[in-house]
PDB file of all heavy atoms in Angstrom:
ATOM      1  N   ALA A   1       0.872  -1.203  -0.008  1.00  0.00           N
ATOM      2  CA  ALA A   1       0.017   0.008  -0.012  1.00  0.00           C
ATOM      3  C   ALA A   1       0.898   1.243   0.017  1.00  0.00           C
ATOM      4  O   ALA A   1       2.043   1.197   0.453  1.00  0.00           O
ATOM      5  CB  ALA A   1      -0.912  -0.023   1.212  1.00  0.00           C
ATOM      6  N   PRO A   2       0.362   2.440  -0.452  1.00  0.00           N
ATOM      7  CA  PRO A   2       1.177   3.600  -0.503  1.00  0.00           C
ATOM      8  C   PRO A   2       1.730   3.945   0.914  1.00  0.00           C
ATOM      9  O   PRO A   2       1.025   4.009   1.900  1.00  0.00           O
ATOM     10  CB  PRO A   2       0.244   4.652  -0.969  1.00  0.00           C
ATOM     11  CG  PRO A   2      -0.753   3.921  -1.768  1.00  0.00           C
ATOM     12  CD  PRO A   2      -0.951   2.548  -1.101  1.00  0.00           C
ATOM     13  N   GLY A   3       3.010   4.217   1.013  1.00  0.00           N
ATOM     14  CA  GLY A   3       3.638   4.602   2.234  1.00  0.00           C
ATOM     15  C   GLY A   3       3.942   3.457   3.162  1.00  0.00           C
ATOM     16  O   GLY A   3       4.431   3.645   4.318  1.00  0.00           O
ATOM     17  N   LYS A   4       3.708   2.163   2.713  1.00  0.00           N
ATOM     18  CA  LYS A   4       3.978   1.037   3.574  1.00  0.00           C
ATOM     19  C   LYS A   4       4.953   0.086   2.871  1.00  0.00           C
ATOM     20  O   LYS A   4       5.190   0.154   1.708  1.00  0.00           O
ATOM     21  CB  LYS A   4       2.676   0.267   3.804  1.00  0.00           C
ATOM     22  CG  LYS A   4       1.595   1.033   4.634  1.00  0.00           C
ATOM     23  CD  LYS A   4       0.439   0.213   4.901  1.00  0.00           C
ATOM     24  CE  LYS A   4      -0.624   1.019   5.689  1.00  0.00           C
ATOM     25  NZ  LYS A   4      -1.833   0.164   5.975  1.00  0.00           N
ATOM     26  N   GLU A   5       5.588  -0.759   3.724  1.00  0.00           N
ATOM     27  CA  GLU A   5       6.515  -1.743   3.239  1.00  0.00           C
ATOM     28  C   GLU A   5       5.803  -2.821   2.508  1.00  0.00           C
ATOM     29  O   GLU A   5       4.644  -3.099   2.795  1.00  0.00           O
ATOM     30  CB  GLU A   5       7.313  -2.277   4.377  1.00  0.00           C
ATOM     31  CG  GLU A   5       8.134  -1.292   5.141  1.00  0.00           C
ATOM     32  CD  GLU A   5       9.325  -0.800   4.325  1.00  0.00           C
ATOM     33  OE1 GLU A   5       9.871  -1.598   3.486  1.00  0.00           O
ATOM     34  OE2 GLU A   5       9.768   0.378   4.531  1.00  0.00           O
ATOM     35  N   ARG A   6       6.507  -3.467   1.526  1.00  0.00           N
ATOM     36  CA  ARG A   6       5.931  -4.611   0.905  1.00  0.00           C
ATOM     37  C   ARG A   6       5.849  -5.755   1.918  1.00  0.00           C
ATOM     38  O   ARG A   6       6.748  -6.045   2.664  1.00  0.00           O
ATOM     39  CB  ARG A   6       6.822  -5.018  -0.300  1.00  0.00           C
ATOM     40  CG  ARG A   6       6.190  -6.181  -1.133  1.00  0.00           C
ATOM     41  CD  ARG A   6       6.907  -6.348  -2.410  1.00  0.00           C
ATOM     42  NE  ARG A   6       6.801  -5.158  -3.291  1.00  0.00           N
ATOM     43  CZ  ARG A   6       7.116  -5.062  -4.541  1.00  0.00           C
ATOM     44  NH1 ARG A   6       7.652  -6.186  -5.166  1.00  0.00           N
ATOM     45  NH2 ARG A   6       6.987  -3.907  -5.269  1.00  0.00           N
ATOM     46  N   GLU A   7       4.744  -6.438   1.887  1.00  0.00           N
ATOM     47  CA  GLU A   7       4.400  -7.445   2.887  1.00  0.00           C
ATOM     48  C   GLU A   7       4.094  -8.725   2.232  1.00  0.00           C
ATOM     49  O   GLU A   7       3.238  -8.822   1.283  1.00  0.00           O
ATOM     50  CB  GLU A   7       3.170  -6.943   3.727  1.00  0.00           C
ATOM     51  CG  GLU A   7       2.567  -7.951   4.714  1.00  0.00           C
ATOM     52  CD  GLU A   7       1.220  -7.573   5.273  1.00  0.00           C
ATOM     53  OE1 GLU A   7       0.474  -6.837   4.584  1.00  0.00           O
ATOM     54  OE2 GLU A   7       0.952  -7.844   6.440  1.00  0.00           O
ATOM     55  N   LEU A   8       4.604  -9.894   2.808  1.00  0.00           N
ATOM     56  CA  LEU A   8       4.198 -11.196   2.379  1.00  0.00           C
ATOM     57  C   LEU A   8       2.838 -11.453   2.870  1.00  0.00           C
ATOM     58  O   LEU A   8       2.568 -11.441   4.073  1.00  0.00           O
ATOM     59  CB  LEU A   8       5.203 -12.219   2.897  1.00  0.00           C
ATOM     60  CG  LEU A   8       4.925 -13.710   2.604  1.00  0.00           C
ATOM     61  CD1 LEU A   8       4.968 -13.939   1.078  1.00  0.00           C
ATOM     62  CD2 LEU A   8       5.815 -14.615   3.387  1.00  0.00           C
ATOM     63  N   VAL A   9       1.951 -11.865   1.988  1.00  0.00           N
ATOM     64  CA  VAL A   9       0.517 -12.248   2.367  1.00  0.00           C
ATOM     65  C   VAL A   9       0.470 -13.737   2.560  1.00  0.00           C
ATOM     66  O   VAL A   9      -0.113 -14.242   3.583  1.00  0.00           O
ATOM     67  CB  VAL A   9      -0.440 -11.809   1.241  1.00  0.00           C
ATOM     68  CG1 VAL A   9      -1.846 -12.264   1.652  1.00  0.00           C
ATOM     69  CG2 VAL A   9      -0.389 -10.348   0.997  1.00  0.00           C
ATOM     70  N   GLY A  10       1.079 -14.545   1.714  1.00  0.00           N
ATOM     71  CA  GLY A  10       1.111 -16.003   1.851  1.00  0.00           C
ATOM     72  C   GLY A  10       2.029 -16.616   0.833  1.00  0.00           C
ATOM     73  O   GLY A  10       2.421 -15.928  -0.126  1.00  0.00           O
ATOM     74  N   ALA A  11       2.239 -17.896   1.007  1.00  0.00           N
ATOM     75  CA  ALA A  11       3.058 -18.695   0.136  1.00  0.00           C
ATOM     76  C   ALA A  11       2.588 -20.144   0.017  1.00  0.00           C
ATOM     77  O   ALA A  11       1.921 -20.586   0.955  1.00  0.00           O
ATOM     78  CB  ALA A  11       4.560 -18.551   0.617  1.00  0.00           C
ATOM     79  N   ILE A  12       2.997 -20.802  -1.019  1.00  0.00           N
ATOM     80  CA  ILE A  12       2.583 -22.187  -1.207  1.00  0.00           C
ATOM     81  C   ILE A  12       3.782 -23.006  -1.719  1.00  0.00           C
ATOM     82  O   ILE A  12       4.524 -22.493  -2.578  1.00  0.00           O
ATOM     83  CB  ILE A  12       1.363 -22.255  -2.195  1.00  0.00           C
ATOM     84  CG1 ILE A  12       0.824 -23.713  -2.263  1.00  0.00           C
ATOM     85  CG2 ILE A  12       1.708 -21.694  -3.553  1.00  0.00           C
ATOM     86  CD1 ILE A  12      -0.575 -23.709  -2.924  1.00  0.00           C
ATOM     87  N   SER A  13       3.908 -24.232  -1.267  1.00  0.00           N
ATOM     88  CA  SER A  13       5.067 -25.076  -1.554  1.00  0.00           C
ATOM     89  C   SER A  13       4.888 -25.640  -2.935  1.00  0.00           C
ATOM     90  O   SER A  13       3.840 -25.496  -3.604  1.00  0.00           O
ATOM     91  CB  SER A  13       5.248 -26.109  -0.518  1.00  0.00           C
ATOM     92  OG  SER A  13       4.037 -26.996  -0.502  1.00  0.00           O
ATOM     93  N   TRP A  14       5.826 -26.433  -3.361  1.00  0.00           N
ATOM     94  CA  TRP A  14       6.043 -26.861  -4.830  1.00  0.00           C
ATOM     95  C   TRP A  14       4.732 -27.581  -5.383  1.00  0.00           C
ATOM     96  O   TRP A  14       4.388 -27.250  -6.496  1.00  0.00           O
ATOM     97  CB  TRP A  14       7.170 -27.760  -4.907  1.00  0.00           C
ATOM     98  CG  TRP A  14       8.418 -27.257  -4.240  1.00  0.00           C
ATOM     99  CD1 TRP A  14       9.241 -26.245  -4.596  1.00  0.00           C
ATOM    100  CD2 TRP A  14       8.948 -27.720  -2.978  1.00  0.00           C
ATOM    101  NE1 TRP A  14      10.207 -25.997  -3.732  1.00  0.00           N
ATOM    102  CE2 TRP A  14      10.059 -26.978  -2.730  1.00  0.00           C
ATOM    103  CE3 TRP A  14       8.535 -28.699  -2.095  1.00  0.00           C
ATOM    104  CZ2 TRP A  14      10.818 -27.122  -1.539  1.00  0.00           C
ATOM    105  CZ3 TRP A  14       9.389 -28.891  -0.904  1.00  0.00           C
ATOM    106  CH2 TRP A  14      10.474 -28.131  -0.678  1.00  0.00           C
ATOM    107  N   SER A  15       4.175 -28.515  -4.627  1.00  0.00           N
ATOM    108  CA  SER A  15       2.953 -29.180  -5.072  1.00  0.00           C
ATOM    109  C   SER A  15       1.698 -28.788  -4.328  1.00  0.00           C
ATOM    110  O   SER A  15       0.696 -29.444  -4.422  1.00  0.00           O
ATOM    111  CB  SER A  15       3.205 -30.644  -4.995  1.00  0.00           C
ATOM    112  OG  SER A  15       4.286 -31.120  -5.808  1.00  0.00           O
ATOM    113  N   GLY A  16       1.818 -27.712  -3.558  1.00  0.00           N
ATOM    114  CA  GLY A  16       0.607 -27.227  -2.792  1.00  0.00           C
ATOM    115  C   GLY A  16       0.359 -27.876  -1.460  1.00  0.00           C
ATOM    116  O   GLY A  16      -0.649 -27.627  -0.900  1.00  0.00           O
ATOM    117  N   GLY A  17       1.346 -28.755  -0.979  1.00  0.00           N
ATOM    118  CA  GLY A  17       1.045 -29.447   0.260  1.00  0.00           C
ATOM    119  C   GLY A  17       1.226 -28.590   1.504  1.00  0.00           C
ATOM    120  O   GLY A  17       0.535 -29.014   2.521  1.00  0.00           O
ATOM    121  N   ARG A  18       1.899 -27.494   1.454  1.00  0.00           N
ATOM    122  CA  ARG A  18       1.994 -26.627   2.602  1.00  0.00           C
ATOM    123  C   ARG A  18       1.760 -25.201   2.202  1.00  0.00           C
ATOM    124  O   ARG A  18       2.155 -24.751   1.084  1.00  0.00           O
ATOM    125  CB  ARG A  18       3.449 -26.744   3.208  1.00  0.00           C
ATOM    126  CG  ARG A  18       3.744 -28.070   3.861  1.00  0.00           C
ATOM    127  CD  ARG A  18       5.046 -28.041   4.603  1.00  0.00           C
ATOM    128  NE  ARG A  18       4.949 -27.139   5.750  1.00  0.00           N
ATOM    129  CZ  ARG A  18       5.922 -26.878   6.546  1.00  0.00           C
ATOM    130  NH1 ARG A  18       7.163 -27.467   6.383  1.00  0.00           N
ATOM    131  NH2 ARG A  18       5.794 -26.062   7.563  1.00  0.00           N
ATOM    132  N   THR A  19       1.124 -24.433   3.092  1.00  0.00           N
ATOM    133  CA  THR A  19       0.833 -23.017   2.858  1.00  0.00           C
ATOM    134  C   THR A  19       1.162 -22.257   4.095  1.00  0.00           C
ATOM    135  O   THR A  19       1.251 -22.734   5.181  1.00  0.00           O
ATOM    136  CB  THR A  19      -0.601 -22.804   2.456  1.00  0.00           C
ATOM    137  OG1 THR A  19      -1.497 -23.372   3.420  1.00  0.00           O
ATOM    138  CG2 THR A  19      -0.975 -23.350   1.084  1.00  0.00           C
ATOM    139  N   TYR A  20       1.407 -21.048   3.848  1.00  0.00           N
ATOM    140  CA  TYR A  20       1.707 -19.967   4.921  1.00  0.00           C
ATOM    141  C   TYR A  20       0.860 -18.733   4.729  1.00  0.00           C
ATOM    142  O   TYR A  20       0.749 -18.293   3.545  1.00  0.00           O
ATOM    143  CB  TYR A  20       3.200 -19.611   5.041  1.00  0.00           C
ATOM    144  CG  TYR A  20       3.507 -18.410   5.857  1.00  0.00           C
ATOM    145  CD1 TYR A  20       3.605 -18.565   7.233  1.00  0.00           C
ATOM    146  CD2 TYR A  20       3.520 -17.125   5.298  1.00  0.00           C
ATOM    147  CE1 TYR A  20       3.859 -17.455   8.030  1.00  0.00           C
ATOM    148  CE2 TYR A  20       3.759 -16.034   6.106  1.00  0.00           C
ATOM    149  CZ  TYR A  20       3.888 -16.123   7.429  1.00  0.00           C
ATOM    150  OH  TYR A  20       4.101 -15.066   8.242  1.00  0.00           O
ATOM    151  N   TYR A  21       0.336 -18.131   5.767  1.00  0.00           N
ATOM    152  CA  TYR A  21      -0.443 -16.919   5.716  1.00  0.00           C
ATOM    153  C   TYR A  21       0.013 -15.968   6.797  1.00  0.00           C
ATOM    154  O   TYR A  21       0.176 -16.442   7.936  1.00  0.00           O
ATOM    155  CB  TYR A  21      -1.932 -17.114   5.773  1.00  0.00           C
ATOM    156  CG  TYR A  21      -2.466 -18.089   4.676  1.00  0.00           C
ATOM    157  CD1 TYR A  21      -2.644 -19.434   4.956  1.00  0.00           C
ATOM    158  CD2 TYR A  21      -2.747 -17.654   3.413  1.00  0.00           C
ATOM    159  CE1 TYR A  21      -3.137 -20.307   3.994  1.00  0.00           C
ATOM    160  CE2 TYR A  21      -3.289 -18.428   2.499  1.00  0.00           C
ATOM    161  CZ  TYR A  21      -3.449 -19.817   2.749  1.00  0.00           C
ATOM    162  OH  TYR A  21      -3.970 -20.676   1.790  1.00  0.00           O
ATOM    163  N   VAL A  22       0.057 -14.729   6.494  1.00  0.00           N
ATOM    164  CA  VAL A  22       0.214 -13.714   7.575  1.00  0.00           C
ATOM    165  C   VAL A  22      -1.004 -13.718   8.428  1.00  0.00           C
ATOM    166  O   VAL A  22      -2.124 -13.991   7.909  1.00  0.00           O
ATOM    167  CB  VAL A  22       0.556 -12.352   6.939  1.00  0.00           C
ATOM    168  CG1 VAL A  22      -0.635 -11.742   6.225  1.00  0.00           C
ATOM    169  CG2 VAL A  22       1.110 -11.399   7.949  1.00  0.00           C
ATOM    170  N   ASN A  23      -0.818 -13.354   9.696  1.00  0.00           N
ATOM    171  CA  ASN A  23      -1.900 -13.485  10.622  1.00  0.00           C
ATOM    172  C   ASN A  23      -3.155 -12.678  10.246  1.00  0.00           C
ATOM    173  O   ASN A  23      -4.361 -13.134  10.451  1.00  0.00           O
ATOM    174  CB  ASN A  23      -1.503 -13.093  12.064  1.00  0.00           C
ATOM    175  CG  ASN A  23      -0.614 -14.151  12.730  1.00  0.00           C
ATOM    176  OD1 ASN A  23      -0.686 -15.304  12.366  1.00  0.00           O
ATOM    177  ND2 ASN A  23       0.122 -13.722  13.711  1.00  0.00           N
ATOM    178  N   SER A  24      -2.942 -11.574   9.570  1.00  0.00           N
ATOM    179  CA  SER A  24      -4.072 -10.657   9.303  1.00  0.00           C
ATOM    180  C   SER A  24      -5.014 -11.219   8.248  1.00  0.00           C
ATOM    181  O   SER A  24      -6.119 -10.721   8.087  1.00  0.00           O
ATOM    182  CB  SER A  24      -3.573  -9.312   8.861  1.00  0.00           C
ATOM    183  OG  SER A  24      -2.807  -9.429   7.721  1.00  0.00           O
ATOM    184  N   VAL A  25      -4.566 -12.314   7.475  1.00  0.00           N
ATOM    185  CA  VAL A  25      -5.402 -12.788   6.397  1.00  0.00           C
ATOM    186  C   VAL A  25      -5.829 -14.270   6.740  1.00  0.00           C
ATOM    187  O   VAL A  25      -6.537 -14.873   5.913  1.00  0.00           O
ATOM    188  CB  VAL A  25      -4.827 -12.739   5.033  1.00  0.00           C
ATOM    189  CG1 VAL A  25      -4.345 -11.266   4.779  1.00  0.00           C
ATOM    190  CG2 VAL A  25      -3.668 -13.658   4.830  1.00  0.00           C
ATOM    191  N   LYS A  26      -5.359 -14.870   7.764  1.00  0.00           N
ATOM    192  CA  LYS A  26      -5.665 -16.249   8.047  1.00  0.00           C
ATOM    193  C   LYS A  26      -7.168 -16.404   8.226  1.00  0.00           C
ATOM    194  O   LYS A  26      -7.866 -15.635   8.881  1.00  0.00           O
ATOM    195  CB  LYS A  26      -4.996 -16.712   9.333  1.00  0.00           C
ATOM    196  CG  LYS A  26      -3.516 -17.012   9.133  1.00  0.00           C
ATOM    197  CD  LYS A  26      -2.939 -17.503  10.470  1.00  0.00           C
ATOM    198  CE  LYS A  26      -1.468 -17.847  10.292  1.00  0.00           C
ATOM    199  NZ  LYS A  26      -0.825 -18.275  11.549  1.00  0.00           N
ATOM    200  N   GLY A  27      -7.732 -17.455   7.534  1.00  0.00           N
ATOM    201  CA  GLY A  27      -9.197 -17.723   7.633  1.00  0.00           C
ATOM    202  C   GLY A  27      -9.983 -16.922   6.560  1.00  0.00           C
ATOM    203  O   GLY A  27     -11.157 -17.214   6.378  1.00  0.00           O
ATOM    204  N   ARG A  28      -9.250 -16.011   5.855  1.00  0.00           N
ATOM    205  CA  ARG A  28     -10.007 -15.207   4.843  1.00  0.00           C
ATOM    206  C   ARG A  28      -9.430 -15.447   3.459  1.00  0.00           C
ATOM    207  O   ARG A  28     -10.213 -15.369   2.515  1.00  0.00           O
ATOM    208  CB  ARG A  28      -9.877 -13.706   5.146  1.00  0.00           C
ATOM    209  CG  ARG A  28     -10.510 -13.276   6.484  1.00  0.00           C
ATOM    210  CD  ARG A  28     -10.603 -11.782   6.643  1.00  0.00           C
ATOM    211  NE  ARG A  28      -9.274 -11.099   6.614  1.00  0.00           N
ATOM    212  CZ  ARG A  28      -8.936 -10.162   5.739  1.00  0.00           C
ATOM    213  NH1 ARG A  28      -9.761  -9.770   4.810  1.00  0.00           N
ATOM    214  NH2 ARG A  28      -7.708  -9.711   5.835  1.00  0.00           N
ATOM    215  N   PHE A  29      -8.077 -15.631   3.342  1.00  0.00           N
ATOM    216  CA  PHE A  29      -7.513 -15.815   2.063  1.00  0.00           C
ATOM    217  C   PHE A  29      -7.062 -17.255   1.947  1.00  0.00           C
ATOM    218  O   PHE A  29      -6.646 -17.946   2.874  1.00  0.00           O
ATOM    219  CB  PHE A  29      -6.295 -14.943   1.898  1.00  0.00           C
ATOM    220  CG  PHE A  29      -6.547 -13.490   1.811  1.00  0.00           C
ATOM    221  CD1 PHE A  29      -7.781 -12.979   2.018  1.00  0.00           C
ATOM    222  CD2 PHE A  29      -5.492 -12.644   1.525  1.00  0.00           C
ATOM    223  CE1 PHE A  29      -8.020 -11.569   1.936  1.00  0.00           C
ATOM    224  CE2 PHE A  29      -5.754 -11.270   1.473  1.00  0.00           C
ATOM    225  CZ  PHE A  29      -7.003 -10.774   1.637  1.00  0.00           C
ATOM    226  N   THR A  30      -7.073 -17.873   0.644  1.00  0.00           N
ATOM    227  CA  THR A  30      -6.646 -19.219   0.431  1.00  0.00           C
ATOM    228  C   THR A  30      -5.759 -19.209  -0.823  1.00  0.00           C
ATOM    229  O   THR A  30      -6.275 -18.771  -1.873  1.00  0.00           O
ATOM    230  CB  THR A  30      -7.806 -20.211   0.288  1.00  0.00           C
ATOM    231  OG1 THR A  30      -8.654 -20.107   1.431  1.00  0.00           O
ATOM    232  CG2 THR A  30      -7.349 -21.546   0.026  1.00  0.00           C
ATOM    233  N   ILE A  31      -4.588 -19.775  -0.752  1.00  0.00           N
ATOM    234  CA  ILE A  31      -3.686 -19.858  -1.890  1.00  0.00           C
ATOM    235  C   ILE A  31      -3.683 -21.297  -2.435  1.00  0.00           C
ATOM    236  O   ILE A  31      -3.718 -22.267  -1.653  1.00  0.00           O
ATOM    237  CB  ILE A  31      -2.285 -19.421  -1.493  1.00  0.00           C
ATOM    238  CG1 ILE A  31      -2.216 -17.937  -1.155  1.00  0.00           C
ATOM    239  CG2 ILE A  31      -1.272 -19.722  -2.658  1.00  0.00           C
ATOM    240  CD1 ILE A  31      -0.947 -17.530  -0.536  1.00  0.00           C
ATOM    241  N   SER A  32      -3.754 -21.400  -3.745  1.00  0.00           N
ATOM    242  CA  SER A  32      -3.689 -22.717  -4.385  1.00  0.00           C
ATOM    243  C   SER A  32      -2.894 -22.630  -5.671  1.00  0.00           C
ATOM    244  O   SER A  32      -2.583 -21.594  -6.104  1.00  0.00           O
ATOM    245  CB  SER A  32      -5.104 -23.300  -4.709  1.00  0.00           C
ATOM    246  OG  SER A  32      -5.780 -22.372  -5.601  1.00  0.00           O
ATOM    247  N   ARG A  33      -2.426 -23.790  -6.197  1.00  0.00           N
ATOM    248  CA  ARG A  33      -1.730 -23.809  -7.461  1.00  0.00           C
ATOM    249  C   ARG A  33      -2.071 -24.937  -8.386  1.00  0.00           C
ATOM    250  O   ARG A  33      -2.488 -25.994  -7.860  1.00  0.00           O
ATOM    251  CB  ARG A  33      -0.184 -23.736  -7.165  1.00  0.00           C
ATOM    252  CG  ARG A  33       0.325 -25.025  -6.556  1.00  0.00           C
ATOM    253  CD  ARG A  33       1.799 -24.813  -6.054  1.00  0.00           C
ATOM    254  NE  ARG A  33       2.739 -24.556  -7.191  1.00  0.00           N
ATOM    255  CZ  ARG A  33       3.909 -24.024  -7.064  1.00  0.00           C
ATOM    256  NH1 ARG A  33       4.421 -23.713  -5.833  1.00  0.00           N
ATOM    257  NH2 ARG A  33       4.775 -23.890  -8.099  1.00  0.00           N
ATOM    258  N   ASP A  34      -1.933 -24.737  -9.655  1.00  0.00           N
ATOM    259  CA  ASP A  34      -2.194 -25.822 -10.686  1.00  0.00           C
ATOM    260  C   ASP A  34      -0.880 -25.853 -11.513  1.00  0.00           C
ATOM    261  O   ASP A  34      -0.699 -25.017 -12.416  1.00  0.00           O
ATOM    262  CB  ASP A  34      -3.384 -25.477 -11.517  1.00  0.00           C
ATOM    263  CG  ASP A  34      -3.733 -26.553 -12.427  1.00  0.00           C
ATOM    264  OD1 ASP A  34      -2.964 -27.400 -12.731  1.00  0.00           O
ATOM    265  OD2 ASP A  34      -4.941 -26.555 -12.882  1.00  0.00           O
ATOM    266  N   ASN A  35      -0.038 -26.817 -11.193  1.00  0.00           N
ATOM    267  CA  ASN A  35       1.238 -26.899 -11.868  1.00  0.00           C
ATOM    268  C   ASN A  35       1.106 -27.228 -13.394  1.00  0.00           C
ATOM    269  O   ASN A  35       1.983 -26.930 -14.162  1.00  0.00           O
ATOM    270  CB  ASN A  35       2.202 -27.911 -11.161  1.00  0.00           C
ATOM    271  CG  ASN A  35       2.744 -27.394  -9.882  1.00  0.00           C
ATOM    272  OD1 ASN A  35       2.653 -26.173  -9.608  1.00  0.00           O
ATOM    273  ND2 ASN A  35       3.249 -28.257  -9.077  1.00  0.00           N
ATOM    274  N   ALA A  36       0.035 -27.936 -13.753  1.00  0.00           N
ATOM    275  CA  ALA A  36      -0.197 -28.301 -15.131  1.00  0.00           C
ATOM    276  C   ALA A  36      -0.472 -27.033 -15.985  1.00  0.00           C
ATOM    277  O   ALA A  36      -0.274 -27.026 -17.133  1.00  0.00           O
ATOM    278  CB  ALA A  36      -1.333 -29.299 -15.239  1.00  0.00           C
ATOM    279  N   LYS A  37      -1.003 -26.037 -15.293  1.00  0.00           N
ATOM    280  CA  LYS A  37      -1.329 -24.710 -15.946  1.00  0.00           C
ATOM    281  C   LYS A  37      -0.357 -23.620 -15.627  1.00  0.00           C
ATOM    282  O   LYS A  37      -0.539 -22.528 -16.118  1.00  0.00           O
ATOM    283  CB  LYS A  37      -2.753 -24.287 -15.588  1.00  0.00           C
ATOM    284  CG  LYS A  37      -3.828 -25.247 -16.061  1.00  0.00           C
ATOM    285  CD  LYS A  37      -5.229 -24.732 -15.725  1.00  0.00           C
ATOM    286  CE  LYS A  37      -6.319 -25.610 -16.200  1.00  0.00           C
ATOM    287  NZ  LYS A  37      -7.632 -25.083 -15.883  1.00  0.00           N
ATOM    288  N   ASN A  38       0.706 -23.954 -14.894  1.00  0.00           N
ATOM    289  CA  ASN A  38       1.736 -22.937 -14.463  1.00  0.00           C
ATOM    290  C   ASN A  38       1.022 -21.684 -13.910  1.00  0.00           C
ATOM    291  O   ASN A  38       1.401 -20.518 -14.178  1.00  0.00           O
ATOM    292  CB  ASN A  38       2.597 -22.566 -15.647  1.00  0.00           C
ATOM    293  CG  ASN A  38       3.569 -23.588 -16.001  1.00  0.00           C
ATOM    294  OD1 ASN A  38       3.622 -24.663 -15.428  1.00  0.00           O
ATOM    295  ND2 ASN A  38       4.454 -23.325 -17.041  1.00  0.00           N
ATOM    296  N   THR A  39       0.099 -21.941 -12.952  1.00  0.00           N
ATOM    297  CA  THR A  39      -0.749 -20.831 -12.416  1.00  0.00           C
ATOM    298  C   THR A  39      -0.887 -21.021 -10.941  1.00  0.00           C
ATOM    299  O   THR A  39      -1.113 -22.125 -10.437  1.00  0.00           O
ATOM    300  CB  THR A  39      -2.079 -20.777 -13.083  1.00  0.00           C
ATOM    301  OG1 THR A  39      -1.961 -20.602 -14.544  1.00  0.00           O
ATOM    302  CG2 THR A  39      -2.933 -19.609 -12.566  1.00  0.00           C
ATOM    303  N   VAL A  40      -0.818 -19.923 -10.222  1.00  0.00           N
ATOM    304  CA  VAL A  40      -1.082 -19.854  -8.752  1.00  0.00           C
ATOM    305  C   VAL A  40      -2.199 -18.885  -8.507  1.00  0.00           C
ATOM    306  O   VAL A  40      -2.357 -17.888  -9.228  1.00  0.00           O
ATOM    307  CB  VAL A  40       0.230 -19.475  -7.963  1.00  0.00           C
ATOM    308  CG1 VAL A  40       0.704 -18.086  -8.341  1.00  0.00           C
ATOM    309  CG2 VAL A  40      -0.018 -19.596  -6.494  1.00  0.00           C
ATOM    310  N   TYR A  41      -3.074 -19.172  -7.528  1.00  0.00           N
ATOM    311  CA  TYR A  41      -4.253 -18.446  -7.321  1.00  0.00           C
ATOM    312  C   TYR A  41      -4.267 -17.920  -5.831  1.00  0.00           C
ATOM    313  O   TYR A  41      -3.632 -18.549  -4.959  1.00  0.00           O
ATOM    314  CB  TYR A  41      -5.508 -19.235  -7.471  1.00  0.00           C
ATOM    315  CG  TYR A  41      -5.587 -19.931  -8.839  1.00  0.00           C
ATOM    316  CD1 TYR A  41      -5.075 -21.222  -9.016  1.00  0.00           C
ATOM    317  CD2 TYR A  41      -6.134 -19.321  -9.967  1.00  0.00           C
ATOM    318  CE1 TYR A  41      -5.164 -21.861 -10.245  1.00  0.00           C
ATOM    319  CE2 TYR A  41      -6.176 -19.928 -11.150  1.00  0.00           C
ATOM    320  CZ  TYR A  41      -5.707 -21.199 -11.351  1.00  0.00           C
ATOM    321  OH  TYR A  41      -5.770 -21.843 -12.512  1.00  0.00           O
ATOM    322  N   MET A  42      -5.020 -16.838  -5.622  1.00  0.00           N
ATOM    323  CA  MET A  42      -5.309 -16.516  -4.205  1.00  0.00           C
ATOM    324  C   MET A  42      -6.789 -16.046  -4.162  1.00  0.00           C
ATOM    325  O   MET A  42      -7.164 -15.025  -4.755  1.00  0.00           O
ATOM    326  CB  MET A  42      -4.451 -15.364  -3.687  1.00  0.00           C
ATOM    327  CG  MET A  42      -4.676 -15.074  -2.228  1.00  0.00           C
ATOM    328  SD  MET A  42      -3.320 -14.239  -1.448  1.00  0.00           S
ATOM    329  CE  MET A  42      -3.359 -12.623  -2.366  1.00  0.00           C
ATOM    330  N   GLN A  43      -7.551 -16.812  -3.476  1.00  0.00           N
ATOM    331  CA  GLN A  43      -9.022 -16.424  -3.196  1.00  0.00           C
ATOM    332  C   GLN A  43      -9.039 -15.579  -1.985  1.00  0.00           C
ATOM    333  O   GLN A  43      -8.531 -15.933  -0.907  1.00  0.00           O
ATOM    334  CB  GLN A  43      -9.785 -17.706  -3.000  1.00  0.00           C
ATOM    335  CG  GLN A  43     -11.279 -17.463  -2.616  1.00  0.00           C
ATOM    336  CD  GLN A  43     -12.087 -16.930  -3.784  1.00  0.00           C
ATOM    337  OE1 GLN A  43     -11.886 -17.377  -4.965  1.00  0.00           O
ATOM    338  NE2 GLN A  43     -12.935 -15.988  -3.535  1.00  0.00           N
ATOM    339  N   MET A  44      -9.675 -14.461  -2.073  1.00  0.00           N
ATOM    340  CA  MET A  44      -9.738 -13.482  -0.968  1.00  0.00           C
ATOM    341  C   MET A  44     -11.178 -13.237  -0.682  1.00  0.00           C
ATOM    342  O   MET A  44     -11.964 -12.745  -1.482  1.00  0.00           O
ATOM    343  CB  MET A  44      -9.086 -12.095  -1.413  1.00  0.00           C
ATOM    344  CG  MET A  44      -7.602 -12.317  -1.837  1.00  0.00           C
ATOM    345  SD  MET A  44      -6.776 -10.732  -2.149  1.00  0.00           S
ATOM    346  CE  MET A  44      -7.694 -10.160  -3.560  1.00  0.00           C
TER     347      MET A  44
END
């Protein structure tokens, strides 16, 4: 955001088996990936 540091929201491991979320978005955001499509998603 303007005037703020860049912040990690979440991350996902190579095949999607593990995820990480910053506390402020836990329970609200979900990260997933489709390696066959070379695409990563974040549902907010």
